[in-house]
Amino acid sequence: MSCDPPNEVKYRLCKLTNFFRYLVSEAQGEIKFTETGNKGTTVVWGYSFFGRGVFANLLLKILVPVLWKGFMQSTLNKSKQLAESEALTSSS
């Protein structure tokens, strides 16, 4: 949806391919990056899911906190490793 490097990325997902496709009509996310001291960065990743009806919305309220948080943490850890390895490579 939008990108403001290096501050934030906003995105929209449609046509999900995992089991969420049965529950979700659309998902929106936003990742904000804030520089901190010691050459660090704080990352805040928010998201919203739009269910395919009342029953789907109820299931999402239960499933998202349990399942999506782990997926997001794993993705963030991999992204961090990639960014740090690229930073080391470019500074050499």
Protein backbone atom coordinates (compact mmCIF):
# COMPACT_ATOMS: atom_id res chain seq x y z
CA MET A 1 0.00 0.00 0.00
CA SER A 2 2.81 2.43 0.83
CA CYS A 3 6.46 2.57 1.71
CA ASP A 4 8.40 5.38 3.38
CA PRO A 5 11.98 4.10 3.68
CA PRO A 6 13.47 3.82 6.22
CA ASN A 7 10.51 4.69 8.46
CA GLU A 8 7.58 2.46 7.63
CA VAL A 9 5.94 -0.03 5.30
CA LYS A 10 2.18 -0.51 4.95
CA TYR A 11 0.81 -3.48 3.07
CA ARG A 12 -2.40 -5.28 2.19
CA LEU A 13 -2.80 -9.03 1.67
CA CYS A 14 -5.59 -10.62 -0.33
CA LYS A 15 -5.98 -14.19 -1.49
CA LEU A 16 -4.11 -15.78 1.41
CA THR A 17 -2.90 -19.29 0.66
CA ASN A 18 -2.76 -20.90 4.10
CA PHE A 19 -5.74 -21.97 6.22
CA PHE A 20 -6.45 -18.30 7.00
CA ARG A 21 -7.86 -17.99 3.46
CA TYR A 22 -11.05 -19.62 4.72
CA LEU A 23 -11.47 -17.04 7.47
CA VAL A 24 -9.92 -13.85 6.10
CA SER A 25 -11.05 -11.71 3.20
CA GLU A 26 -8.15 -9.27 3.65
CA ALA A 27 -5.30 -8.48 6.00
CA GLN A 28 -3.49 -5.18 6.45
CA GLY A 29 -0.17 -4.61 8.14
CA GLU A 30 2.14 -1.82 9.09
CA ILE A 31 5.78 -2.03 10.11
CA LYS A 32 7.40 1.03 11.69
CA PHE A 33 11.14 1.40 12.22
CA THR A 34 12.59 3.83 14.77
CA GLU A 35 16.30 4.33 15.29
CA THR A 36 17.50 3.94 18.85
CA GLY A 37 20.86 4.57 20.45
CA ASN A 38 23.81 2.23 19.87
CA LYS A 39 22.97 1.85 16.17
CA GLY A 40 19.82 -0.10 17.02
CA THR A 41 16.32 -0.06 15.62
CA THR A 42 12.96 -0.58 17.29
CA VAL A 43 10.42 -2.38 15.10
CA VAL A 44 6.68 -2.19 15.71
CA TRP A 45 4.59 -4.52 13.54
CA GLY A 46 0.83 -4.15 13.64
CA TYR A 47 -1.82 -5.95 11.64
CA SER A 48 -5.56 -6.21 11.11
CA PHE A 49 -7.57 -9.11 9.75
CA PHE A 50 -10.95 -8.71 8.11
CA GLY A 51 -13.00 -11.86 8.55
CA ARG A 52 -15.41 -13.47 6.13
CA GLY A 53 -18.32 -13.13 8.56
CA VAL A 54 -19.31 -13.21 12.21
CA PHE A 55 -18.15 -16.80 12.81
CA ALA A 56 -14.82 -16.11 11.08
CA ASN A 57 -14.30 -12.98 13.19
CA LEU A 58 -14.88 -14.98 16.39
CA LEU A 59 -12.36 -17.63 15.32
CA LEU A 60 -9.84 -14.96 14.35
CA LYS A 61 -10.06 -13.40 17.82
CA ILE A 62 -9.00 -16.77 19.24
CA LEU A 63 -6.51 -17.95 16.61
CA VAL A 64 -4.61 -14.79 15.70
CA PRO A 65 -3.04 -14.09 19.10
CA VAL A 66 -1.93 -17.72 19.38
CA LEU A 67 -0.82 -18.55 15.83
CA TRP A 68 0.04 -15.28 14.12
CA LYS A 69 2.31 -13.95 16.88
CA GLY A 70 4.69 -16.91 16.44
CA PHE A 71 4.73 -16.46 12.67
CA MET A 72 5.46 -12.75 13.03
CA GLN A 73 8.26 -13.33 15.55
CA SER A 74 9.88 -15.94 13.31
CA THR A 75 9.67 -13.64 10.28
CA LEU A 76 11.05 -10.71 12.26
CA ASN A 77 13.98 -12.80 13.55
CA LYS A 78 14.86 -13.92 9.99
CA SER A 79 14.57 -10.35 8.70
CA LYS A 80 16.84 -9.12 11.49
CA GLN A 81 19.48 -11.74 10.69
CA LEU A 82 19.36 -10.85 6.99
CA ALA A 83 19.60 -7.10 7.64
CA GLU A 84 22.51 -7.55 10.06
CA SER A 85 24.41 -9.82 7.66
CA GLU A 86 23.91 -7.34 4.81
CA ALA A 87 25.07 -4.48 7.05
CA LEU A 88 28.23 -6.40 7.92
CA THR A 89 28.88 -7.21 4.28
CA SER A 90 28.40 -3.62 3.10
CA SER A 91 30.63 -2.20 5.86
CA SER A 92 33.53 -4.53 5.00
